[in-house]
């Protein structure tokens, strides 16, 4: 046997070669860990989700809503603004990308911006 072979056999146990733990204790530890993981999953599911905020750009306030990943945003109340007609909700402050309530879904915290069309006098 050479020195490399002896070294490999000596280190075969790894970091835990001297650890003496009963199997029942390990089973209990694994059970408690799985139970905690389940509990955390339930809490995050019930309390989790993303906030959708509505920036009305000078119109009446629209309340934020909390939704889960993949949910559709229900069409919110239409804000009002004197001298303007509501022009829809957009995903960016520059009002270049319109939110499609029939197709778009929540994937992260979202702010929708109101567009306004001046009324003709």
PDB file of N, CA and C in Angstrom:
ATOM      1  N   UNK A   1       0.842  -1.180   0.000  1.00  0.00           N
ATOM      2  CA  UNK A   1       0.000   0.000   0.000  1.00  0.00           C
ATOM      3  C   UNK A   1       0.883   1.236   0.000  1.00  0.00           C
ATOM      4  N   UNK A   2       0.521   2.206  -0.828  1.00  0.00           N
ATOM      5  CA  UNK A   2       1.316   3.434  -0.831  1.00  0.00           C
ATOM      6  C   UNK A   2       0.681   4.467   0.109  1.00  0.00           C
ATOM      7  N   UNK A   3       1.344   5.606   0.277  1.00  0.00           N
ATOM      8  CA  UNK A   3       0.894   6.638   1.222  1.00  0.00           C
ATOM      9  C   UNK A   3      -0.443   7.245   0.810  1.00  0.00           C
ATOM     10  N   UNK A   4      -0.692   7.383  -0.520  1.00  0.00           N
ATOM     11  CA  UNK A   4      -1.957   7.957  -0.997  1.00  0.00           C
ATOM     12  C   UNK A   4      -3.145   7.076  -0.626  1.00  0.00           C
ATOM     13  N   UNK A   5      -2.991   5.782  -0.730  1.00  0.00           N
ATOM     14  CA  UNK A   5      -4.059   4.847  -0.397  1.00  0.00           C
ATOM     15  C   UNK A   5      -4.350   4.882   1.091  1.00  0.00           C
ATOM     16  N   UNK A   6      -3.341   4.945   1.901  1.00  0.00           N
ATOM     17  CA  UNK A   6      -3.527   4.987   3.348  1.00  0.00           C
ATOM     18  C   UNK A   6      -4.226   6.271   3.767  1.00  0.00           C
ATOM     19  N   UNK A   7      -3.859   7.380   3.145  1.00  0.00           N
ATOM     20  CA  UNK A   7      -4.491   8.663   3.460  1.00  0.00           C
ATOM     21  C   UNK A   7      -5.979   8.617   3.129  1.00  0.00           C
ATOM     22  N   UNK A   8      -6.324   8.020   1.993  1.00  0.00           N
ATOM     23  CA  UNK A   8      -7.722   7.933   1.580  1.00  0.00           C
ATOM     24  C   UNK A   8      -8.518   7.098   2.569  1.00  0.00           C
ATOM     25  N   UNK A   9      -7.999   5.990   2.998  1.00  0.00           N
ATOM     26  CA  UNK A   9      -8.705   5.143   3.955  1.00  0.00           C
ATOM     27  C   UNK A   9      -8.856   5.838   5.298  1.00  0.00           C
ATOM     28  N   UNK A  10      -7.857   6.569   5.713  1.00  0.00           N
ATOM     29  CA  UNK A  10      -7.916   7.255   7.000  1.00  0.00           C
ATOM     30  C   UNK A  10      -8.995   8.344   7.000  1.00  0.00           C
ATOM     31  N   UNK A  11      -9.152   9.088   5.862  1.00  0.00           N
ATOM     32  CA  UNK A  11     -10.108  10.191   5.768  1.00  0.00           C
ATOM     33  C   UNK A  11     -11.484   9.755   5.266  1.00  0.00           C
ATOM     34  N   UNK A  12     -11.695   8.461   5.123  1.00  0.00           N
ATOM     35  CA  UNK A  12     -12.940   7.977   4.531  1.00  0.00           C
ATOM     36  C   UNK A  12     -14.175   8.384   5.340  1.00  0.00           C
ATOM     37  N   UNK A  13     -14.052   8.630   6.632  1.00  0.00           N
ATOM     38  CA  UNK A  13     -15.194   8.982   7.462  1.00  0.00           C
ATOM     39  C   UNK A  13     -15.599  10.432   7.347  1.00  0.00           C
ATOM     40  N   UNK A  14     -14.745  11.272   6.841  1.00  0.00           N
ATOM     41  CA  UNK A  14     -15.074  12.679   6.687  1.00  0.00           C
ATOM     42  C   UNK A  14     -15.156  13.403   8.016  1.00  0.00           C
ATOM     43  N   UNK A  15     -15.856  14.517   8.025  1.00  0.00           N
ATOM     44  CA  UNK A  15     -15.978  15.355   9.218  1.00  0.00           C
ATOM     45  C   UNK A  15     -16.747  14.678  10.337  1.00  0.00           C
ATOM     46  N   UNK A  16     -17.622  13.762   9.997  1.00  0.00           N
ATOM     47  CA  UNK A  16     -18.520  13.178  10.988  1.00  0.00           C
ATOM     48  C   UNK A  16     -18.139  11.747  11.387  1.00  0.00           C
ATOM     49  N   UNK A  17     -16.885  11.357  11.122  1.00  0.00           N
ATOM     50  CA  UNK A  17     -16.495   9.974  11.403  1.00  0.00           C
ATOM     51  C   UNK A  17     -16.562   9.627  12.886  1.00  0.00           C
ATOM     52  N   UNK A  18     -16.395  10.594  13.754  1.00  0.00           N
ATOM     53  CA  UNK A  18     -16.423  10.330  15.189  1.00  0.00           C
ATOM     54  C   UNK A  18     -17.755  10.682  15.842  1.00  0.00           C
ATOM     55  N   UNK A  19     -18.720  11.094  15.041  1.00  0.00           N
ATOM     56  CA  UNK A  19     -20.023  11.497  15.568  1.00  0.00           C
ATOM     57  C   UNK A  19     -20.844  10.268  15.930  1.00  0.00           C
ATOM     58  N   UNK A  20     -21.331  10.218  17.144  1.00  0.00           N
ATOM     59  CA  UNK A  20     -22.140   9.097  17.607  1.00  0.00           C
ATOM     60  C   UNK A  20     -23.538   9.637  17.965  1.00  0.00           C
ATOM     61  N   UNK A  21     -24.491   9.484  17.041  1.00  0.00           N
ATOM     62  CA  UNK A  21     -25.852   9.964  17.248  1.00  0.00           C
ATOM     63  C   UNK A  21     -26.803   8.808  16.958  1.00  0.00           C
ATOM     64  N   UNK A  22     -27.742   8.532  17.849  1.00  0.00           N
ATOM     65  CA  UNK A  22     -28.708   7.452  17.601  1.00  0.00           C
ATOM     66  C   UNK A  22     -29.597   7.774  16.400  1.00  0.00           C
ATOM     67  N   UNK A  23     -29.983   6.757  15.680  1.00  0.00           N
ATOM     68  CA  UNK A  23     -30.829   6.919  14.499  1.00  0.00           C
ATOM     69  C   UNK A  23     -32.160   7.559  14.879  1.00  0.00           C
ATOM     70  N   UNK A  24     -32.725   7.211  16.026  1.00  0.00           N
ATOM     71  CA  UNK A  24     -33.992   7.801  16.465  1.00  0.00           C
ATOM     72  C   UNK A  24     -33.861   9.316  16.626  1.00  0.00           C
ATOM     73  N   UNK A  25     -32.741   9.771  17.147  1.00  0.00           N
ATOM     74  CA  UNK A  25     -32.518  11.208  17.313  1.00  0.00           C
ATOM     75  C   UNK A  25     -32.433  11.895  15.955  1.00  0.00           C
ATOM     76  N   UNK A  26     -31.742  11.263  14.999  1.00  0.00           N
ATOM     77  CA  UNK A  26     -31.661  11.835  13.651  1.00  0.00           C
ATOM     78  C   UNK A  26     -33.030  11.863  12.988  1.00  0.00           C
ATOM     79  N   UNK A  27     -33.809  10.813  13.160  1.00  0.00           N
ATOM     80  CA  UNK A  27     -35.168  10.799  12.604  1.00  0.00           C
ATOM     81  C   UNK A  27     -36.018  11.913  13.211  1.00  0.00           C
ATOM     82  N   UNK A  28     -35.901  12.117  14.506  1.00  0.00           N
ATOM     83  CA  UNK A  28     -36.633  13.199  15.164  1.00  0.00           C
ATOM     84  C   UNK A  28     -36.207  14.563  14.658  1.00  0.00           C
ATOM     85  N   UNK A  29     -34.915  14.743  14.481  1.00  0.00           N
ATOM     86  CA  UNK A  29     -34.389  16.007  13.970  1.00  0.00           C
ATOM     87  C   UNK A  29     -34.911  16.266  12.556  1.00  0.00           C
ATOM     88  N   UNK A  30     -34.883  15.250  11.707  1.00  0.00           N
ATOM     89  CA  UNK A  30     -35.389  15.402  10.334  1.00  0.00           C
ATOM     90  C   UNK A  30     -36.881  15.717  10.352  1.00  0.00           C
ATOM     91  N   UNK A  31     -37.638  15.055  11.227  1.00  0.00           N
ATOM     92  CA  UNK A  31     -39.072  15.316  11.335  1.00  0.00           C
ATOM     93  C   UNK A  31     -39.342  16.766  11.740  1.00  0.00           C
ATOM     94  N   UNK A  32     -38.614  17.255  12.738  1.00  0.00           N
ATOM     95  CA  UNK A  32     -38.795  18.636  13.205  1.00  0.00           C
ATOM     96  C   UNK A  32     -38.433  19.618  12.086  1.00  0.00           C
ATOM     97  N   UNK A  33     -37.363  19.354  11.355  1.00  0.00           N
ATOM     98  CA  UNK A  33     -36.968  20.235  10.242  1.00  0.00           C
ATOM     99  C   UNK A  33     -38.044  20.272   9.158  1.00  0.00           C
ATOM    100  N   UNK A  34     -38.591  19.116   8.804  1.00  0.00           N
ATOM    101  CA  UNK A  34     -39.654  19.073   7.794  1.00  0.00           C
ATOM    102  C   UNK A  34     -40.917  19.778   8.276  1.00  0.00           C
ATOM    103  N   UNK A  35     -41.223  19.619   9.554  1.00  0.00           N
ATOM    104  CA  UNK A  35     -42.384  20.300  10.122  1.00  0.00           C
ATOM    105  C   UNK A  35     -42.199  21.825  10.080  1.00  0.00           C
ATOM    106  N   UNK A  36     -41.019  22.292  10.431  1.00  0.00           N
ATOM    107  CA  UNK A  36     -40.733  23.736  10.361  1.00  0.00           C
ATOM    108  C   UNK A  36     -40.797  24.239   8.923  1.00  0.00           C
ATOM    109  N   UNK A  37     -40.284  23.472   7.989  1.00  0.00           N
ATOM    110  CA  UNK A  37     -40.339  23.857   6.579  1.00  0.00           C
ATOM    111  C   UNK A  37     -41.789  23.975   6.107  1.00  0.00           C
ATOM    112  N   UNK A  38     -42.617  23.034   6.511  1.00  0.00           N
ATOM    113  CA  UNK A  38     -44.034  23.085   6.166  1.00  0.00           C
ATOM    114  C   UNK A  38     -44.706  24.309   6.773  1.00  0.00           C
ATOM    115  N   UNK A  39     -44.413  24.589   8.022  1.00  0.00           N
ATOM    116  CA  UNK A  39     -44.993  25.745   8.700  1.00  0.00           C
ATOM    117  C   UNK A  39     -44.585  27.056   8.011  1.00  0.00           C
ATOM    118  N   UNK A  40     -43.321  27.181   7.687  1.00  0.00           N
ATOM    119  CA  UNK A  40     -42.842  28.383   6.997  1.00  0.00           C
ATOM    120  C   UNK A  40     -43.516  28.509   5.636  1.00  0.00           C
ATOM    121  N   UNK A  41     -43.670  27.415   4.930  1.00  0.00           N
ATOM    122  CA  UNK A  41     -44.337  27.445   3.621  1.00  0.00           C
ATOM    123  C   UNK A  41     -45.776  27.918   3.735  1.00  0.00           C
ATOM    124  N   UNK A  42     -46.486  27.427   4.730  1.00  0.00           N
ATOM    125  CA  UNK A  42     -47.881  27.831   4.928  1.00  0.00           C
ATOM    126  C   UNK A  42     -47.965  29.319   5.270  1.00  0.00           C
ATOM    127  N   UNK A  43     -47.114  29.776   6.164  1.00  0.00           N
ATOM    128  CA  UNK A  43     -47.126  31.187   6.556  1.00  0.00           C
ATOM    129  C   UNK A  43     -46.817  32.079   5.359  1.00  0.00           C
ATOM    130  N   UNK A  44     -45.810  31.718   4.579  1.00  0.00           N
ATOM    131  CA  UNK A  44     -45.465  32.528   3.411  1.00  0.00           C
ATOM    132  C   UNK A  44     -46.564  32.509   2.368  1.00  0.00           C
ATOM    133  N   UNK A  45     -47.255  31.400   2.234  1.00  0.00           N
ATOM    134  CA  UNK A  45     -48.349  31.317   1.279  1.00  0.00           C
ATOM    135  C   UNK A  45     -49.516  32.202   1.716  1.00  0.00           C
ATOM    136  N   UNK A  46     -49.839  32.161   2.997  1.00  0.00           N
ATOM    137  CA  UNK A  46     -50.969  32.953   3.483  1.00  0.00           C
ATOM    138  C   UNK A  46     -50.662  34.439   3.528  1.00  0.00           C
ATOM    139  N   UNK A  47     -49.444  34.773   3.920  1.00  0.00           N
ATOM    140  CA  UNK A  47     -49.084  36.178   4.065  1.00  0.00           C
ATOM    141  C   UNK A  47     -48.290  36.697   2.869  1.00  0.00           C
ATOM    142  N   UNK A  48     -47.844  35.818   2.036  1.00  0.00           N
ATOM    143  CA  UNK A  48     -46.982  36.195   0.916  1.00  0.00           C
ATOM    144  C   UNK A  48     -47.737  36.894  -0.188  1.00  0.00           C
ATOM    145  N   UNK A  49     -47.040  37.172  -1.216  1.00  0.00           N
ATOM    146  CA  UNK A  49     -47.647  37.803  -2.370  1.00  0.00           C
ATOM    147  C   UNK A  49     -46.980  39.126  -2.674  1.00  0.00           C
ATOM    148  N   UNK A  50     -47.573  39.807  -3.617  1.00  0.00           N
ATOM    149  CA  UNK A  50     -47.010  41.066  -4.095  1.00  0.00           C
ATOM    150  C   UNK A  50     -48.051  42.176  -3.975  1.00  0.00           C
ATOM    151  N   UNK A  51     -47.558  43.371  -3.714  1.00  0.00           N
ATOM    152  CA  UNK A  51     -48.434  44.531  -3.640  1.00  0.00           C
ATOM    153  C   UNK A  51     -48.517  45.178  -5.011  1.00  0.00           C
ATOM    154  N   UNK A  52     -49.732  45.488  -5.426  1.00  0.00           N
ATOM    155  CA  UNK A  52     -49.969  46.243  -6.652  1.00  0.00           C
ATOM    156  C   UNK A  52     -50.460  47.618  -6.221  1.00  0.00           C
ATOM    157  N   UNK A  53     -49.686  48.640  -6.566  1.00  0.00           N
ATOM    158  CA  UNK A  53     -50.033  50.017  -6.214  1.00  0.00           C
ATOM    159  C   UNK A  53     -50.473  50.749  -7.470  1.00  0.00           C
ATOM    160  N   UNK A  54     -51.315  51.753  -7.272  1.00  0.00           N
ATOM    161  CA  UNK A  54     -51.842  52.528  -8.385  1.00  0.00           C
ATOM    162  C   UNK A  54     -51.451  53.987  -8.213  1.00  0.00           C
ATOM    163  N   UNK A  55     -50.634  54.473  -9.120  1.00  0.00           N
ATOM    164  CA  UNK A  55     -50.242  55.882  -9.129  1.00  0.00           C
ATOM    165  C   UNK A  55     -51.205  56.597 -10.067  1.00  0.00           C
ATOM    166  N   UNK A  56     -52.070  57.437  -9.502  1.00  0.00           N
ATOM    167  CA  UNK A  56     -53.136  58.040 -10.312  1.00  0.00           C
ATOM    168  C   UNK A  56     -52.714  59.327 -11.011  1.00  0.00           C
ATOM    169  N   UNK A  57     -51.497  59.763 -10.808  1.00  0.00           N
ATOM    170  CA  UNK A  57     -50.988  60.959 -11.503  1.00  0.00           C
ATOM    171  C   UNK A  57     -51.938  62.151 -11.412  1.00  0.00           C
ATOM    172  N   UNK A  58     -52.373  62.446 -10.205  1.00  0.00           N
ATOM    173  CA  UNK A  58     -53.227  63.606  -9.992  1.00  0.00           C
ATOM    174  C   UNK A  58     -54.709  63.277  -9.895  1.00  0.00           C
ATOM    175  N   UNK A  59     -55.074  62.029 -10.108  1.00  0.00           N
ATOM    176  CA  UNK A  59     -56.475  61.632 -10.003  1.00  0.00           C
ATOM    177  C   UNK A  59     -56.811  61.212  -8.581  1.00  0.00           C
ATOM    178  N   UNK A  60     -58.057  60.812  -8.388  1.00  0.00           N
ATOM    179  CA  UNK A  60     -58.478  60.341  -7.068  1.00  0.00           C
ATOM    180  C   UNK A  60     -57.727  59.054  -6.721  1.00  0.00           C
ATOM    181  N   UNK A  61     -57.550  58.815  -5.431  1.00  0.00           N
ATOM    182  CA  UNK A  61     -56.746  57.678  -4.966  1.00  0.00           C
ATOM    183  C   UNK A  61     -57.423  56.340  -5.279  1.00  0.00           C
ATOM    184  N   UNK A  62     -56.589  55.351  -5.558  1.00  0.00           N
ATOM    185  CA  UNK A  62     -57.045  53.973  -5.740  1.00  0.00           C
ATOM    186  C   UNK A  62     -56.230  53.125  -4.775  1.00  0.00           C
ATOM    187  N   UNK A  63     -56.916  52.329  -3.958  1.00  0.00           N
ATOM    188  CA  UNK A  63     -56.247  51.512  -2.949  1.00  0.00           C
ATOM    189  C   UNK A  63     -55.355  50.445  -3.566  1.00  0.00           C
ATOM    190  N   UNK A  64     -54.207  50.193  -2.915  1.00  0.00           N
ATOM    191  CA  UNK A  64     -53.321  49.105  -3.316  1.00  0.00           C
ATOM    192  C   UNK A  64     -54.002  47.778  -3.007  1.00  0.00           C
ATOM    193  N   UNK A  65     -53.585  46.737  -3.724  1.00  0.00           N
ATOM    194  CA  UNK A  65     -54.097  45.398  -3.462  1.00  0.00           C
ATOM    195  C   UNK A  65     -52.918  44.441  -3.334  1.00  0.00           C
ATOM    196  N   UNK A  66     -53.155  43.313  -2.684  1.00  0.00           N
ATOM    197  CA  UNK A  66     -52.105  42.310  -2.487  1.00  0.00           C
ATOM    198  C   UNK A  66     -52.529  41.030  -3.201  1.00  0.00           C
ATOM    199  N   UNK A  67     -51.665  40.546  -4.094  1.00  0.00           N
ATOM    200  CA  UNK A  67     -51.971  39.360  -4.885  1.00  0.00           C
ATOM    201  C   UNK A  67     -50.802  38.387  -4.848  1.00  0.00           C
ATOM    202  N   UNK A  68     -51.046  37.154  -5.220  1.00  0.00           N
ATOM    203  CA  UNK A  68     -49.990  36.149  -5.290  1.00  0.00           C
ATOM    204  C   UNK A  68     -49.418  36.080  -6.699  1.00  0.00           C
ATOM    205  N   UNK A  69     -48.277  35.470  -6.817  1.00  0.00           N
ATOM    206  CA  UNK A  69     -47.606  35.293  -8.098  1.00  0.00           C
ATOM    207  C   UNK A  69     -48.556  34.616  -9.086  1.00  0.00           C
ATOM    208  N   UNK A  70     -48.648  35.171 -10.280  1.00  0.00           N
ATOM    209  CA  UNK A  70     -49.473  34.586 -11.326  1.00  0.00           C
ATOM    210  C   UNK A  70     -50.926  35.003 -11.309  1.00  0.00           C
ATOM    211  N   UNK A  71     -51.354  35.735 -10.275  1.00  0.00           N
ATOM    212  CA  UNK A  71     -52.742  36.188 -10.216  1.00  0.00           C
ATOM    213  C   UNK A  71     -52.995  37.271 -11.248  1.00  0.00           C
ATOM    214  N   UNK A  72     -54.239  37.349 -11.679  1.00  0.00           N
ATOM    215  CA  UNK A  72     -54.677  38.466 -12.516  1.00  0.00           C
ATOM    216  C   UNK A  72     -55.039  39.619 -11.595  1.00  0.00           C
ATOM    217  N   UNK A  73     -54.780  40.838 -12.052  1.00  0.00           N
ATOM    218  CA  UNK A  73     -55.193  42.012 -11.273  1.00  0.00           C
ATOM    219  C   UNK A  73     -56.640  42.310 -11.628  1.00  0.00           C
ATOM    220  N   UNK A  74     -57.531  42.325 -10.634  1.00  0.00           N
ATOM    221  CA  UNK A  74     -58.910  42.735 -10.937  1.00  0.00           C
ATOM    222  C   UNK A  74     -58.906  44.214 -11.320  1.00  0.00           C
ATOM    223  N   UNK A  75     -59.739  44.575 -12.287  1.00  0.00           N
ATOM    224  CA  UNK A  75     -59.755  45.966 -12.731  1.00  0.00           C
ATOM    225  C   UNK A  75     -60.167  46.858 -11.564  1.00  0.00           C
ATOM    226  N   UNK A  76     -59.317  47.818 -11.206  1.00  0.00           N
ATOM    227  CA  UNK A  76     -59.610  48.679 -10.052  1.00  0.00           C
ATOM    228  C   UNK A  76     -60.647  49.745 -10.389  1.00  0.00           C
ATOM    229  N   UNK A  77     -61.074  50.448  -9.360  1.00  0.00           N
ATOM    230  CA  UNK A  77     -61.980  51.583  -9.558  1.00  0.00           C
ATOM    231  C   UNK A  77     -61.301  52.585 -10.482  1.00  0.00           C
ATOM    232  N   UNK A  78     -62.090  53.178 -11.335  1.00  0.00           N
ATOM    233  CA  UNK A  78     -61.544  54.176 -12.265  1.00  0.00           C
ATOM    234  C   UNK A  78     -61.383  55.496 -11.517  1.00  0.00           C
ATOM    235  N   UNK A  79     -60.160  56.020 -11.472  1.00  0.00           N
ATOM    236  CA  UNK A  79     -59.972  57.304 -10.790  1.00  0.00           C
ATOM    237  C   UNK A  79     -60.582  58.449 -11.601  1.00  0.00           C
ATOM    238  N   UNK A  80     -60.769  59.562 -10.935  1.00  0.00           N
ATOM    239  CA  UNK A  80     -61.330  60.742 -11.606  1.00  0.00           C
ATOM    240  C   UNK A  80     -60.361  61.901 -11.452  1.00  0.00           C
ATOM    241  N   UNK A  81     -60.368  62.781 -12.447  1.00  0.00           N
ATOM    242  CA  UNK A  81     -59.526  63.975 -12.410  1.00  0.00           C
ATOM    243  C   UNK A  81     -60.239  65.068 -13.191  1.00  0.00           C
ATOM    244  N   UNK A  82     -60.419  66.198 -12.558  1.00  0.00           N
ATOM    245  CA  UNK A  82     -61.138  67.307 -13.176  1.00  0.00           C
ATOM    246  C   UNK A  82     -60.422  67.768 -14.442  1.00  0.00           C
ATOM    247  N   UNK A  83     -61.190  67.857 -15.532  1.00  0.00           N
ATOM    248  CA  UNK A  83     -60.651  68.332 -16.805  1.00  0.00           C
ATOM    249  C   UNK A  83     -59.997  67.242 -17.644  1.00  0.00           C
ATOM    250  N   UNK A  84     -60.056  66.005 -17.179  1.00  0.00           N
ATOM    251  CA  UNK A  84     -59.418  64.901 -17.910  1.00  0.00           C
ATOM    252  C   UNK A  84     -60.328  63.683 -17.953  1.00  0.00           C
ATOM    253  N   UNK A  85     -60.081  62.849 -18.957  1.00  0.00           N
ATOM    254  CA  UNK A  85     -60.742  61.556 -19.091  1.00  0.00           C
ATOM    255  C   UNK A  85     -59.682  60.482 -18.852  1.00  0.00           C
ATOM    256  N   UNK A  86     -60.034  59.461 -18.090  1.00  0.00           N
ATOM    257  CA  UNK A  86     -59.095  58.395 -17.766  1.00  0.00           C
ATOM    258  C   UNK A  86     -58.681  57.665 -19.042  1.00  0.00           C
ATOM    259  N   UNK A  87     -57.356  57.447 -19.189  1.00  0.00           N
ATOM    260  CA  UNK A  87     -56.829  56.828 -20.410  1.00  0.00           C
ATOM    261  C   UNK A  87     -56.241  55.440 -20.215  1.00  0.00           C
ATOM    262  N   UNK A  88     -56.436  54.820 -19.061  1.00  0.00           N
ATOM    263  CA  UNK A  88     -55.945  53.460 -18.863  1.00  0.00           C
ATOM    264  C   UNK A  88     -54.769  53.396 -17.907  1.00  0.00           C
ATOM    265  N   UNK A  89     -54.369  52.161 -17.612  1.00  0.00           N
ATOM    266  CA  UNK A  89     -53.259  51.908 -16.691  1.00  0.00           C
ATOM    267  C   UNK A  89     -52.032  51.449 -17.472  1.00  0.00           C
ATOM    268  N   UNK A  90     -50.863  51.940 -17.049  1.00  0.00           N
ATOM    269  CA  UNK A  90     -49.598  51.624 -17.716  1.00  0.00           C
ATOM    270  C   UNK A  90     -48.585  51.121 -16.689  1.00  0.00           C
ATOM    271  N   UNK A  91     -47.629  50.346 -17.174  1.00  0.00           N
ATOM    272  CA  UNK A  91     -46.635  49.738 -16.277  1.00  0.00           C
ATOM    273  C   UNK A  91     -45.436  50.630 -16.014  1.00  0.00           C
ATOM    274  N   UNK A  92     -45.330  51.732 -16.715  1.00  0.00           N
ATOM    275  CA  UNK A  92     -44.161  52.615 -16.558  1.00  0.00           C
ATOM    276  C   UNK A  92     -44.614  54.064 -16.419  1.00  0.00           C
ATOM    277  N   UNK A  93     -43.815  54.880 -15.738  1.00  0.00           N
ATOM    278  CA  UNK A  93     -44.211  56.283 -15.538  1.00  0.00           C
ATOM    279  C   UNK A  93     -44.271  57.091 -16.833  1.00  0.00           C
ATOM    280  N   UNK A  94     -43.604  56.620 -17.879  1.00  0.00           N
ATOM    281  CA  UNK A  94     -43.636  57.328 -19.166  1.00  0.00           C
ATOM    282  C   UNK A  94     -44.870  56.968 -19.990  1.00  0.00           C
ATOM    283  N   UNK A  95     -45.686  56.043 -19.461  1.00  0.00           N
ATOM    284  CA  UNK A  95     -46.951  55.633 -20.080  1.00  0.00           C
ATOM    285  C   UNK A  95     -46.746  55.082 -21.496  1.00  0.00           C
ATOM    286  N   UNK A  96     -45.776  54.174 -21.629  1.00  0.00           N
ATOM    287  CA  UNK A  96     -45.507  53.584 -22.943  1.00  0.00           C
ATOM    288  C   UNK A  96     -45.985  52.131 -23.046  1.00  0.00           C
ATOM    289  N   UNK A  97     -46.111  51.435 -21.915  1.00  0.00           N
ATOM    290  CA  UNK A  97     -46.518  50.023 -21.933  1.00  0.00           C
ATOM    291  C   UNK A  97     -47.835  49.877 -21.171  1.00  0.00           C
ATOM    292  N   UNK A  98     -48.906  49.617 -21.909  1.00  0.00           N
ATOM    293  CA  UNK A  98     -50.242  49.520 -21.307  1.00  0.00           C
ATOM    294  C   UNK A  98     -50.407  48.165 -20.622  1.00  0.00           C
ATOM    295  N   UNK A  99     -51.019  48.161 -19.429  1.00  0.00           N
ATOM    296  CA  UNK A  99     -51.315  46.922 -18.709  1.00  0.00           C
ATOM    297  C   UNK A  99     -52.564  46.306 -19.317  1.00  0.00           C
ATOM    298  N   UNK A 100     -52.480  45.022 -19.671  1.00  0.00           N
ATOM    299  CA  UNK A 100     -53.612  44.307 -20.237  1.00  0.00           C
ATOM    300  C   UNK A 100     -54.225  43.445 -19.133  1.00  0.00           C
ATOM    301  N   UNK A 101     -55.353  43.873 -18.598  1.00  0.00           N
ATOM    302  CA  UNK A 101     -55.988  43.170 -17.485  1.00  0.00           C
ATOM    303  C   UNK A 101     -56.456  41.775 -17.879  1.00  0.00           C
ATOM    304  N   UNK A 102     -56.700  41.528 -19.151  1.00  0.00           N
ATOM    305  CA  UNK A 102     -57.171  40.216 -19.601  1.00  0.00           C
ATOM    306  C   UNK A 102     -56.029  39.207 -19.705  1.00  0.00           C
ATOM    307  N   UNK A 103     -54.793  39.671 -19.907  1.00  0.00           N
ATOM    308  CA  UNK A 103     -53.685  38.744 -20.158  1.00  0.00           C
ATOM    309  C   UNK A 103     -52.532  38.844 -19.165  1.00  0.00           C
ATOM    310  N   UNK A 104     -52.197  40.037 -18.702  1.00  0.00           N
ATOM    311  CA  UNK A 104     -51.028  40.218 -17.835  1.00  0.00           C
ATOM    312  C   UNK A 104     -51.292  39.655 -16.443  1.00  0.00           C
ATOM    313  N   UNK A 105     -50.232  39.093 -15.848  1.00  0.00           N
ATOM    314  CA  UNK A 105     -50.338  38.515 -14.509  1.00  0.00           C
ATOM    315  C   UNK A 105     -49.211  39.052 -13.635  1.00  0.00           C
ATOM    316  N   UNK A 106     -49.416  38.961 -12.332  1.00  0.00           N
ATOM    317  CA  UNK A 106     -48.456  39.456 -11.350  1.00  0.00           C
ATOM    318  C   UNK A 106     -47.248  38.525 -11.271  1.00  0.00           C
ATOM    319  N   UNK A 107     -46.059  39.095 -11.398  1.00  0.00           N
ATOM    320  CA  UNK A 107     -44.822  38.339 -11.238  1.00  0.00           C
ATOM    321  C   UNK A 107     -43.902  38.991 -10.211  1.00  0.00           C
ATOM    322  N   UNK A 108     -44.260  40.191  -9.777  1.00  0.00           N
ATOM    323  CA  UNK A 108     -43.467  40.937  -8.793  1.00  0.00           C
ATOM    324  C   UNK A 108     -44.310  42.100  -8.284  1.00  0.00           C
ATOM    325  N   UNK A 109     -43.785  42.802  -7.284  1.00  0.00           N
ATOM    326  CA  UNK A 109     -44.479  44.010  -6.819  1.00  0.00           C
ATOM    327  C   UNK A 109     -44.605  44.954  -8.022  1.00  0.00           C
ATOM    328  N   UNK A 110     -45.776  45.545  -8.180  1.00  0.00           N
ATOM    329  CA  UNK A 110     -46.062  46.306  -9.397  1.00  0.00           C
ATOM    330  C   UNK A 110     -46.704  47.638  -9.057  1.00  0.00           C
ATOM    331  N   UNK A 111     -46.334  48.649  -9.833  1.00  0.00           N
ATOM    332  CA  UNK A 111     -46.992  49.955  -9.764  1.00  0.00           C
ATOM    333  C   UNK A 111     -47.600  50.204 -11.132  1.00  0.00           C
ATOM    334  N   UNK A 112     -48.886  50.503 -11.151  1.00  0.00           N
ATOM    335  CA  UNK A 112     -49.547  50.873 -12.398  1.00  0.00           C
ATOM    336  C   UNK A 112     -49.815  52.372 -12.377  1.00  0.00           C
ATOM    337  N   UNK A 113     -49.578  53.009 -13.508  1.00  0.00           N
ATOM    338  CA  UNK A 113     -49.672  54.458 -13.626  1.00  0.00           C
ATOM    339  C   UNK A 113     -50.868  54.831 -14.498  1.00  0.00           C
ATOM    340  N   UNK A 114     -51.641  55.800 -14.039  1.00  0.00           N
ATOM    341  CA  UNK A 114     -52.823  56.249 -14.767  1.00  0.00           C
ATOM    342  C   UNK A 114     -52.427  57.230 -15.864  1.00  0.00           C
ATOM    343  N   UNK A 115     -53.061  57.055 -17.003  1.00  0.00           N
ATOM    344  CA  UNK A 115     -52.890  58.002 -18.105  1.00  0.00           C
ATOM    345  C   UNK A 115     -54.145  58.890 -18.166  1.00  0.00           C
ATOM    346  N   UNK A 116     -53.957  60.127 -18.568  1.00  0.00           N
ATOM    347  CA  UNK A 116     -55.069  61.074 -18.625  1.00  0.00           C
ATOM    348  C   UNK A 116     -55.125  61.735 -19.989  1.00  0.00           C
ATOM    349  N   UNK A 117     -56.321  61.893 -20.507  1.00  0.00           N
ATOM    350  CA  UNK A 117     -56.541  62.553 -21.787  1.00  0.00           C
ATOM    351  C   UNK A 117     -57.295  63.842 -21.488  1.00  0.00           C
ATOM    352  N   UNK A 118     -56.728  64.995 -21.865  1.00  0.00           N
ATOM    353  CA  UNK A 118     -57.427  66.267 -21.592  1.00  0.00           C
ATOM    354  C   UNK A 118     -58.794  66.299 -22.305  1.00  0.00           C
ATOM    355  N   UNK A 119     -59.807  66.788 -21.588  1.00  0.00           N
ATOM    356  CA  UNK A 119     -61.131  66.921 -22.186  1.00  0.00           C
ATOM    357  C   UNK A 119     -61.153  68.162 -23.051  1.00  0.00           C
ATOM    358  N   UNK A 120     -61.865  68.048 -24.152  1.00  0.00           N
ATOM    359  CA  UNK A 120     -61.997  69.199 -25.061  1.00  0.00           C
ATOM    360  C   UNK A 120     -63.027  70.146 -24.507  1.00  0.00           C
ATOM    361  N   UNK A 121     -62.737  71.448 -24.649  1.00  0.00           N
ATOM    362  CA  UNK A 121     -63.679  72.460 -24.138  1.00  0.00           C
ATOM    363  C   UNK A 121     -64.463  73.069 -25.239  1.00  0.00           C
TER     364      UNK A 121
END
